[in-house]
């Protein structure tokens, strides 16, 4: 089997989803980190896209976290993340798509909504994995980066509460689905659980994330406390802590 190489942005929750999948399946691999602000050029060169993570397996390139997980299960079938039962597999993929397109963007917009008003903290967060020099550089370019990030990631003004409402709705749904069970689909850990917990981890168990992210803005604390007290948030924290290094 050709070696696996994962290229990421350390702070990205989509990248954490891929990192967790590789670790869960215990696949030997190499990780390479790229820097915000130059990542688009890197992604275009490697995969003809603008997004991360990117997985290389020999001559094959996968440029989407969901595609990566499917490829991992195909190349390394041990500890599968996709259920064998067709109905359960379809449901797990549907939930993955829902969390990819609804939950993840809302979490990202919510965090940036609070983060981008603080140039020092935003530079510190975006520089994770790159050292003090990267942080100094990002602090210098942050005034120019912030408007682009607001546009590219659909970050609304602070008075607009759609990110909060969307995350709350997803957490409530997750709580209802896991009221009497530990897995979202079937009786074991699947891609649906990994995806939901990856995206909620920055809000419900930041200290457990291997990337060692800095503390989120204090203005987010009332919201994180709220969802951490909800059944869906508790499930996400419990699932992440129990399975991230399992």
C-alpha atoms as a PDB file:
ATOM      1  CA  UNK A   1       0.000   0.000   0.000  1.00  0.00           C
ATOM      2  CA  UNK A   2       1.298   3.440  -0.943  1.00  0.00           C
ATOM      3  CA  UNK A   3       1.976   5.703   2.057  1.00  0.00           C
ATOM      4  CA  UNK A   4      -0.747   8.116   3.113  1.00  0.00           C
ATOM      5  CA  UNK A   5       0.034  11.827   3.376  1.00  0.00           C
ATOM      6  CA  UNK A   6      -2.480  14.192   4.982  1.00  0.00           C
ATOM      7  CA  UNK A   7      -2.126  17.922   4.320  1.00  0.00           C
ATOM      8  CA  UNK A   8      -4.086  20.090   6.730  1.00  0.00           C
ATOM      9  CA  UNK A   9      -4.703  23.452   8.278  1.00  0.00           C
ATOM     10  CA  UNK A  10      -4.204  22.615  11.978  1.00  0.00           C
ATOM     11  CA  UNK A  11      -7.050  24.840  13.230  1.00  0.00           C
ATOM     12  CA  UNK A  12      -9.689  23.461  10.825  1.00  0.00           C
ATOM     13  CA  UNK A  13     -12.431  21.233  12.235  1.00  0.00           C
ATOM     14  CA  UNK A  14     -12.771  19.591   8.804  1.00  0.00           C
ATOM     15  CA  UNK A  15      -9.090  18.683   9.085  1.00  0.00           C
ATOM     16  CA  UNK A  16      -9.621  17.351  12.589  1.00  0.00           C
ATOM     17  CA  UNK A  17     -12.307  15.078  11.151  1.00  0.00           C
ATOM     18  CA  UNK A  18      -9.748  13.590   8.747  1.00  0.00           C
ATOM     19  CA  UNK A  19      -7.017  13.361  11.390  1.00  0.00           C
ATOM     20  CA  UNK A  20      -9.373  11.522  13.708  1.00  0.00           C
ATOM     21  CA  UNK A  21     -10.395   9.104  10.943  1.00  0.00           C
ATOM     22  CA  UNK A  22      -6.769   8.194  10.271  1.00  0.00           C
ATOM     23  CA  UNK A  23      -6.062   7.772  13.972  1.00  0.00           C
ATOM     24  CA  UNK A  24      -9.246   5.763  14.548  1.00  0.00           C
ATOM     25  CA  UNK A  25      -8.283   3.356  11.773  1.00  0.00           C
ATOM     26  CA  UNK A  26      -4.681   3.294  13.057  1.00  0.00           C
ATOM     27  CA  UNK A  27      -3.255   4.041   9.632  1.00  0.00           C
ATOM     28  CA  UNK A  28       0.443   4.994   9.528  1.00  0.00           C
ATOM     29  CA  UNK A  29       0.690   8.304   7.724  1.00  0.00           C
ATOM     30  CA  UNK A  30       2.589  11.542   7.344  1.00  0.00           C
ATOM     31  CA  UNK A  31       1.037  14.892   8.199  1.00  0.00           C
ATOM     32  CA  UNK A  32       1.930  18.196   6.656  1.00  0.00           C
ATOM     33  CA  UNK A  33       0.506  21.504   7.790  1.00  0.00           C
ATOM     34  CA  UNK A  34      -0.007  24.548   5.632  1.00  0.00           C
ATOM     35  CA  UNK A  35      -0.678  28.112   6.677  1.00  0.00           C
ATOM     36  CA  UNK A  36      -3.862  30.131   6.360  1.00  0.00           C
ATOM     37  CA  UNK A  37      -3.573  32.826   3.689  1.00  0.00           C
ATOM     38  CA  UNK A  38      -1.437  30.601   1.459  1.00  0.00           C
ATOM     39  CA  UNK A  39      -3.556  27.464   1.733  1.00  0.00           C
ATOM     40  CA  UNK A  40      -5.662  28.234  -1.343  1.00  0.00           C
ATOM     41  CA  UNK A  41      -2.612  28.272  -3.597  1.00  0.00           C
ATOM     42  CA  UNK A  42      -1.386  25.039  -2.035  1.00  0.00           C
ATOM     43  CA  UNK A  43      -4.770  23.351  -2.476  1.00  0.00           C
ATOM     44  CA  UNK A  44      -5.021  24.412  -6.106  1.00  0.00           C
ATOM     45  CA  UNK A  45      -1.556  23.059  -6.824  1.00  0.00           C
ATOM     46  CA  UNK A  46      -2.145  19.730  -5.089  1.00  0.00           C
ATOM     47  CA  UNK A  47      -5.771  19.015  -5.892  1.00  0.00           C
ATOM     48  CA  UNK A  48      -7.251  21.695  -8.125  1.00  0.00           C
ATOM     49  CA  UNK A  49      -9.491  22.872  -5.302  1.00  0.00           C
ATOM     50  CA  UNK A  50      -9.432  25.542  -2.580  1.00  0.00           C
ATOM     51  CA  UNK A  51     -10.223  23.482   0.479  1.00  0.00           C
ATOM     52  CA  UNK A  52      -8.508  21.277   3.022  1.00  0.00           C
ATOM     53  CA  UNK A  53      -7.870  18.582   4.148  1.00  0.00           C
ATOM     54  CA  UNK A  54      -6.126  16.839   1.266  1.00  0.00           C
ATOM     55  CA  UNK A  55      -5.106  13.187   1.353  1.00  0.00           C
ATOM     56  CA  UNK A  56      -2.541  11.678  -0.990  1.00  0.00           C
ATOM     57  CA  UNK A  57      -2.267   7.902  -1.394  1.00  0.00           C
ATOM     58  CA  UNK A  58       0.313   7.283  -4.072  1.00  0.00           C
ATOM     59  CA  UNK A  59      -1.002   8.958  -7.224  1.00  0.00           C
ATOM     60  CA  UNK A  60      -4.525   9.339  -5.802  1.00  0.00           C
ATOM     61  CA  UNK A  61      -5.596  12.667  -4.324  1.00  0.00           C
ATOM     62  CA  UNK A  62      -8.718  13.246  -2.222  1.00  0.00           C
ATOM     63  CA  UNK A  63      -9.660  16.824  -1.384  1.00  0.00           C
ATOM     64  CA  UNK A  64     -12.696  16.527   0.872  1.00  0.00           C
ATOM     65  CA  UNK A  65     -13.008  15.109   4.386  1.00  0.00           C
ATOM     66  CA  UNK A  66     -15.946  12.889   3.415  1.00  0.00           C
ATOM     67  CA  UNK A  67     -14.163  11.584   0.321  1.00  0.00           C
ATOM     68  CA  UNK A  68     -11.125  10.931   2.482  1.00  0.00           C
ATOM     69  CA  UNK A  69     -13.071   8.742   4.901  1.00  0.00           C
ATOM     70  CA  UNK A  70     -14.603   6.737   2.058  1.00  0.00           C
ATOM     71  CA  UNK A  71     -11.135   6.250   0.554  1.00  0.00           C
ATOM     72  CA  UNK A  72      -9.692   5.178   3.891  1.00  0.00           C
ATOM     73  CA  UNK A  73     -12.373   2.532   4.338  1.00  0.00           C
ATOM     74  CA  UNK A  74     -11.714   1.261   0.819  1.00  0.00           C
ATOM     75  CA  UNK A  75      -7.935   1.099   1.185  1.00  0.00           C
ATOM     76  CA  UNK A  76      -7.821   0.065   4.856  1.00  0.00           C
ATOM     77  CA  UNK A  77     -11.046  -1.825   5.705  1.00  0.00           C
ATOM     78  CA  UNK A  78     -10.095  -2.543   9.337  1.00  0.00           C
ATOM     79  CA  UNK A  79     -12.063  -0.568  11.933  1.00  0.00           C
ATOM     80  CA  UNK A  80     -14.574   0.644   9.337  1.00  0.00           C
ATOM     81  CA  UNK A  81     -16.333   3.956   9.725  1.00  0.00           C
ATOM     82  CA  UNK A  82     -18.990   3.184   7.106  1.00  0.00           C
ATOM     83  CA  UNK A  83     -21.580   0.594   8.245  1.00  0.00           C
ATOM     84  CA  UNK A  84     -21.826  -2.649   6.313  1.00  0.00           C
ATOM     85  CA  UNK A  85     -25.639  -2.726   6.449  1.00  0.00           C
ATOM     86  CA  UNK A  86     -26.915  -0.787   3.378  1.00  0.00           C
ATOM     87  CA  UNK A  87     -29.652   1.075   5.248  1.00  0.00           C
ATOM     88  CA  UNK A  88     -27.332   2.054   8.089  1.00  0.00           C
ATOM     89  CA  UNK A  89     -24.630   3.051   5.629  1.00  0.00           C
ATOM     90  CA  UNK A  90     -27.052   5.322   3.779  1.00  0.00           C
ATOM     91  CA  UNK A  91     -28.214   6.910   7.029  1.00  0.00           C
ATOM     92  CA  UNK A  92     -24.643   7.478   8.228  1.00  0.00           C
ATOM     93  CA  UNK A  93     -23.742   9.135   4.928  1.00  0.00           C
ATOM     94  CA  UNK A  94     -26.864  11.314   5.092  1.00  0.00           C
ATOM     95  CA  UNK A  95     -25.953  12.509   8.569  1.00  0.00           C
ATOM     96  CA  UNK A  96     -22.365  13.133   7.529  1.00  0.00           C
ATOM     97  CA  UNK A  97     -23.632  15.296   4.668  1.00  0.00           C
ATOM     98  CA  UNK A  98     -25.966  17.166   7.018  1.00  0.00           C
ATOM     99  CA  UNK A  99     -23.198  17.907   9.499  1.00  0.00           C
ATOM    100  CA  UNK A 100     -20.771  18.833   6.712  1.00  0.00           C
ATOM    101  CA  UNK A 101     -23.133  21.333   5.135  1.00  0.00           C
ATOM    102  CA  UNK A 102     -25.133  22.667   8.094  1.00  0.00           C
ATOM    103  CA  UNK A 103     -23.355  22.113  11.414  1.00  0.00           C
ATOM    104  CA  UNK A 104     -19.723  22.699  10.374  1.00  0.00           C
ATOM    105  CA  UNK A 105     -20.298  26.016   8.542  1.00  0.00           C
ATOM    106  CA  UNK A 106     -22.403  27.300  11.435  1.00  0.00           C
ATOM    107  CA  UNK A 107     -19.731  26.418  14.021  1.00  0.00           C
ATOM    108  CA  UNK A 108     -17.052  28.068  11.880  1.00  0.00           C
ATOM    109  CA  UNK A 109     -19.125  31.220  11.314  1.00  0.00           C
ATOM    110  CA  UNK A 110     -19.981  31.404  15.012  1.00  0.00           C
ATOM    111  CA  UNK A 111     -16.353  31.180  16.127  1.00  0.00           C
ATOM    112  CA  UNK A 112     -15.121  33.671  13.527  1.00  0.00           C
ATOM    113  CA  UNK A 113     -17.994  36.000  14.376  1.00  0.00           C
ATOM    114  CA  UNK A 114     -16.452  36.405  17.820  1.00  0.00           C
ATOM    115  CA  UNK A 115     -12.823  35.869  16.872  1.00  0.00           C
ATOM    116  CA  UNK A 116     -12.256  38.305  14.011  1.00  0.00           C
ATOM    117  CA  UNK A 117     -12.971  41.343  16.167  1.00  0.00           C
ATOM    118  CA  UNK A 118      -9.844  40.455  18.189  1.00  0.00           C
ATOM    119  CA  UNK A 119      -6.753  40.642  15.921  1.00  0.00           C
ATOM    120  CA  UNK A 120      -4.369  39.231  18.525  1.00  0.00           C
ATOM    121  CA  UNK A 121      -6.503  36.222  19.391  1.00  0.00           C
ATOM    122  CA  UNK A 122      -7.386  35.485  15.781  1.00  0.00           C
ATOM    123  CA  UNK A 123      -3.689  35.565  14.823  1.00  0.00           C
ATOM    124  CA  UNK A 124      -2.893  33.238  17.719  1.00  0.00           C
ATOM    125  CA  UNK A 125      -5.573  30.748  16.698  1.00  0.00           C
ATOM    126  CA  UNK A 126      -4.795  30.784  12.982  1.00  0.00           C
ATOM    127  CA  UNK A 127      -1.087  30.354  13.708  1.00  0.00           C
ATOM    128  CA  UNK A 128      -1.558  27.058  15.591  1.00  0.00           C
ATOM    129  CA  UNK A 129       1.166  24.675  14.502  1.00  0.00           C
ATOM    130  CA  UNK A 130       3.370  27.393  13.035  1.00  0.00           C
ATOM    131  CA  UNK A 131       5.214  29.051  15.885  1.00  0.00           C
ATOM    132  CA  UNK A 132       5.766  32.651  16.944  1.00  0.00           C
ATOM    133  CA  UNK A 133       6.943  33.861  13.539  1.00  0.00           C
ATOM    134  CA  UNK A 134       3.734  32.783  11.865  1.00  0.00           C
ATOM    135  CA  UNK A 135       1.684  34.447  14.588  1.00  0.00           C
ATOM    136  CA  UNK A 136       3.524  37.753  14.109  1.00  0.00           C
ATOM    137  CA  UNK A 137       3.003  37.593  10.357  1.00  0.00           C
ATOM    138  CA  UNK A 138      -0.707  36.800  10.712  1.00  0.00           C
ATOM    139  CA  UNK A 139      -1.141  39.657  13.140  1.00  0.00           C
ATOM    140  CA  UNK A 140       0.266  42.014  10.514  1.00  0.00           C
ATOM    141  CA  UNK A 141      -1.987  40.743   7.716  1.00  0.00           C
ATOM    142  CA  UNK A 142      -5.090  40.224   9.866  1.00  0.00           C
ATOM    143  CA  UNK A 143      -6.665  43.615   9.011  1.00  0.00           C
ATOM    144  CA  UNK A 144      -6.633  42.621   5.342  1.00  0.00           C
ATOM    145  CA  UNK A 145      -7.528  38.967   5.977  1.00  0.00           C
ATOM    146  CA  UNK A 146     -10.510  39.581   8.237  1.00  0.00           C
ATOM    147  CA  UNK A 147     -12.858  41.040   5.574  1.00  0.00           C
ATOM    148  CA  UNK A 148     -11.944  38.220   3.176  1.00  0.00           C
ATOM    149  CA  UNK A 149     -12.613  35.598   5.831  1.00  0.00           C
ATOM    150  CA  UNK A 150     -15.968  37.160   6.673  1.00  0.00           C
ATOM    151  CA  UNK A 151     -16.921  36.970   3.011  1.00  0.00           C
ATOM    152  CA  UNK A 152     -15.522  33.514   2.244  1.00  0.00           C
ATOM    153  CA  UNK A 153     -16.917  31.862   5.373  1.00  0.00           C
ATOM    154  CA  UNK A 154     -20.250  33.680   5.490  1.00  0.00           C
ATOM    155  CA  UNK A 155     -19.507  35.317   8.837  1.00  0.00           C
ATOM    156  CA  UNK A 156     -22.413  37.623   9.728  1.00  0.00           C
ATOM    157  CA  UNK A 157     -22.342  40.770  11.867  1.00  0.00           C
ATOM    158  CA  UNK A 158     -22.356  40.103  15.605  1.00  0.00           C
ATOM    159  CA  UNK A 159     -26.020  41.025  15.958  1.00  0.00           C
ATOM    160  CA  UNK A 160     -27.017  38.246  13.538  1.00  0.00           C
ATOM    161  CA  UNK A 161     -27.685  35.080  15.522  1.00  0.00           C
ATOM    162  CA  UNK A 162     -28.140  32.580  12.688  1.00  0.00           C
ATOM    163  CA  UNK A 163     -24.948  30.660  13.582  1.00  0.00           C
ATOM    164  CA  UNK A 164     -26.105  30.239  17.178  1.00  0.00           C
ATOM    165  CA  UNK A 165     -29.601  29.207  16.142  1.00  0.00           C
ATOM    166  CA  UNK A 166     -28.242  26.704  13.631  1.00  0.00           C
ATOM    167  CA  UNK A 167     -25.803  25.107  16.066  1.00  0.00           C
ATOM    168  CA  UNK A 168     -28.512  24.917  18.730  1.00  0.00           C
ATOM    169  CA  UNK A 169     -30.873  23.206  16.317  1.00  0.00           C
ATOM    170  CA  UNK A 170     -28.248  20.631  15.363  1.00  0.00           C
ATOM    171  CA  UNK A 171     -27.330  19.967  18.998  1.00  0.00           C
ATOM    172  CA  UNK A 172     -30.994  19.521  19.899  1.00  0.00           C
ATOM    173  CA  UNK A 173     -31.413  17.044  17.037  1.00  0.00           C
ATOM    174  CA  UNK A 174     -28.326  15.098  18.087  1.00  0.00           C
ATOM    175  CA  UNK A 175     -29.631  14.982  21.652  1.00  0.00           C
ATOM    176  CA  UNK A 176     -32.944  13.571  20.471  1.00  0.00           C
ATOM    177  CA  UNK A 177     -31.234  10.937  18.317  1.00  0.00           C
ATOM    178  CA  UNK A 178     -28.973   9.773  21.156  1.00  0.00           C
ATOM    179  CA  UNK A 179     -31.492   9.949  23.984  1.00  0.00           C
ATOM    180  CA  UNK A 180     -31.429   6.174  24.533  1.00  0.00           C
ATOM    181  CA  UNK A 181     -28.292   5.170  22.623  1.00  0.00           C
ATOM    182  CA  UNK A 182     -24.624   6.083  22.296  1.00  0.00           C
ATOM    183  CA  UNK A 183     -24.349   5.929  18.485  1.00  0.00           C
ATOM    184  CA  UNK A 184     -26.212   7.995  15.920  1.00  0.00           C
ATOM    185  CA  UNK A 185     -26.552   5.024  13.562  1.00  0.00           C
ATOM    186  CA  UNK A 186     -26.719   1.357  14.521  1.00  0.00           C
ATOM    187  CA  UNK A 187     -24.914   0.048  17.558  1.00  0.00           C
ATOM    188  CA  UNK A 188     -21.340   1.138  16.941  1.00  0.00           C
ATOM    189  CA  UNK A 189     -19.184   4.166  16.244  1.00  0.00           C
ATOM    190  CA  UNK A 190     -19.507   5.366  12.641  1.00  0.00           C
ATOM    191  CA  UNK A 191     -18.646   8.278  10.396  1.00  0.00           C
ATOM    192  CA  UNK A 192     -21.809  10.024  11.608  1.00  0.00           C
ATOM    193  CA  UNK A 193     -20.569  10.083  15.208  1.00  0.00           C
ATOM    194  CA  UNK A 194     -17.044  11.091  14.200  1.00  0.00           C
ATOM    195  CA  UNK A 195     -18.314  13.944  12.027  1.00  0.00           C
ATOM    196  CA  UNK A 196     -20.710  15.420  14.577  1.00  0.00           C
ATOM    197  CA  UNK A 197     -18.240  15.187  17.454  1.00  0.00           C
ATOM    198  CA  UNK A 198     -15.385  16.630  15.363  1.00  0.00           C
ATOM    199  CA  UNK A 199     -17.372  19.728  14.524  1.00  0.00           C
ATOM    200  CA  UNK A 200     -18.718  20.297  18.046  1.00  0.00           C
ATOM    201  CA  UNK A 201     -15.469  19.538  19.887  1.00  0.00           C
ATOM    202  CA  UNK A 202     -14.166  23.142  19.741  1.00  0.00           C
ATOM    203  CA  UNK A 203     -17.297  24.259  21.590  1.00  0.00           C
ATOM    204  CA  UNK A 204     -17.776  21.404  24.086  1.00  0.00           C
ATOM    205  CA  UNK A 205     -14.318  19.906  24.792  1.00  0.00           C
ATOM    206  CA  UNK A 206     -11.673  22.266  23.436  1.00  0.00           C
ATOM    207  CA  UNK A 207      -9.085  20.961  25.902  1.00  0.00           C
ATOM    208  CA  UNK A 208      -9.240  17.454  24.402  1.00  0.00           C
ATOM    209  CA  UNK A 209      -8.353  18.454  20.820  1.00  0.00           C
ATOM    210  CA  UNK A 210      -4.796  17.302  19.998  1.00  0.00           C
ATOM    211  CA  UNK A 211      -4.003  20.494  18.049  1.00  0.00           C
ATOM    212  CA  UNK A 212      -3.948  22.362  21.384  1.00  0.00           C
ATOM    213  CA  UNK A 213      -6.026  25.302  20.296  1.00  0.00           C
ATOM    214  CA  UNK A 214      -5.995  28.474  22.409  1.00  0.00           C
ATOM    215  CA  UNK A 215      -9.022  29.470  24.437  1.00  0.00           C
ATOM    216  CA  UNK A 216     -11.945  30.797  22.455  1.00  0.00           C
ATOM    217  CA  UNK A 217     -13.117  34.406  22.902  1.00  0.00           C
ATOM    218  CA  UNK A 218     -14.728  35.066  26.282  1.00  0.00           C
ATOM    219  CA  UNK A 219     -17.791  36.396  24.496  1.00  0.00           C
ATOM    220  CA  UNK A 220     -18.515  32.817  23.364  1.00  0.00           C
ATOM    221  CA  UNK A 221     -18.510  31.405  26.892  1.00  0.00           C
ATOM    222  CA  UNK A 222     -22.256  31.807  27.618  1.00  0.00           C
ATOM    223  CA  UNK A 223     -23.083  29.935  24.425  1.00  0.00           C
ATOM    224  CA  UNK A 224     -20.553  27.146  24.970  1.00  0.00           C
ATOM    225  CA  UNK A 225     -21.839  26.698  28.514  1.00  0.00           C
ATOM    226  CA  UNK A 226     -25.369  26.461  27.167  1.00  0.00           C
ATOM    227  CA  UNK A 227     -24.700  23.727  24.620  1.00  0.00           C
ATOM    228  CA  UNK A 228     -22.360  21.867  26.975  1.00  0.00           C
ATOM    229  CA  UNK A 229     -25.294  21.518  29.337  1.00  0.00           C
ATOM    230  CA  UNK A 230     -27.563  20.109  26.608  1.00  0.00           C
ATOM    231  CA  UNK A 231     -27.847  16.333  26.014  1.00  0.00           C
ATOM    232  CA  UNK A 232     -26.504  16.670  22.468  1.00  0.00           C
ATOM    233  CA  UNK A 233     -23.502  18.683  23.613  1.00  0.00           C
ATOM    234  CA  UNK A 234     -22.798  16.242  26.420  1.00  0.00           C
ATOM    235  CA  UNK A 235     -23.011  13.375  23.950  1.00  0.00           C
ATOM    236  CA  UNK A 236     -20.526  15.114  21.615  1.00  0.00           C
ATOM    237  CA  UNK A 237     -18.004  15.721  24.406  1.00  0.00           C
ATOM    238  CA  UNK A 238     -18.383  12.175  25.709  1.00  0.00           C
ATOM    239  CA  UNK A 239     -18.069  10.652  22.237  1.00  0.00           C
ATOM    240  CA  UNK A 240     -15.006  12.716  21.391  1.00  0.00           C
ATOM    241  CA  UNK A 241     -13.192  11.950  24.626  1.00  0.00           C
ATOM    242  CA  UNK A 242     -14.032   8.245  24.486  1.00  0.00           C
ATOM    243  CA  UNK A 243     -13.092   7.640  20.845  1.00  0.00           C
ATOM    244  CA  UNK A 244     -10.559  10.242  19.737  1.00  0.00           C
ATOM    245  CA  UNK A 245      -7.624   8.217  21.007  1.00  0.00           C
ATOM    246  CA  UNK A 246      -9.293   4.805  21.078  1.00  0.00           C
END
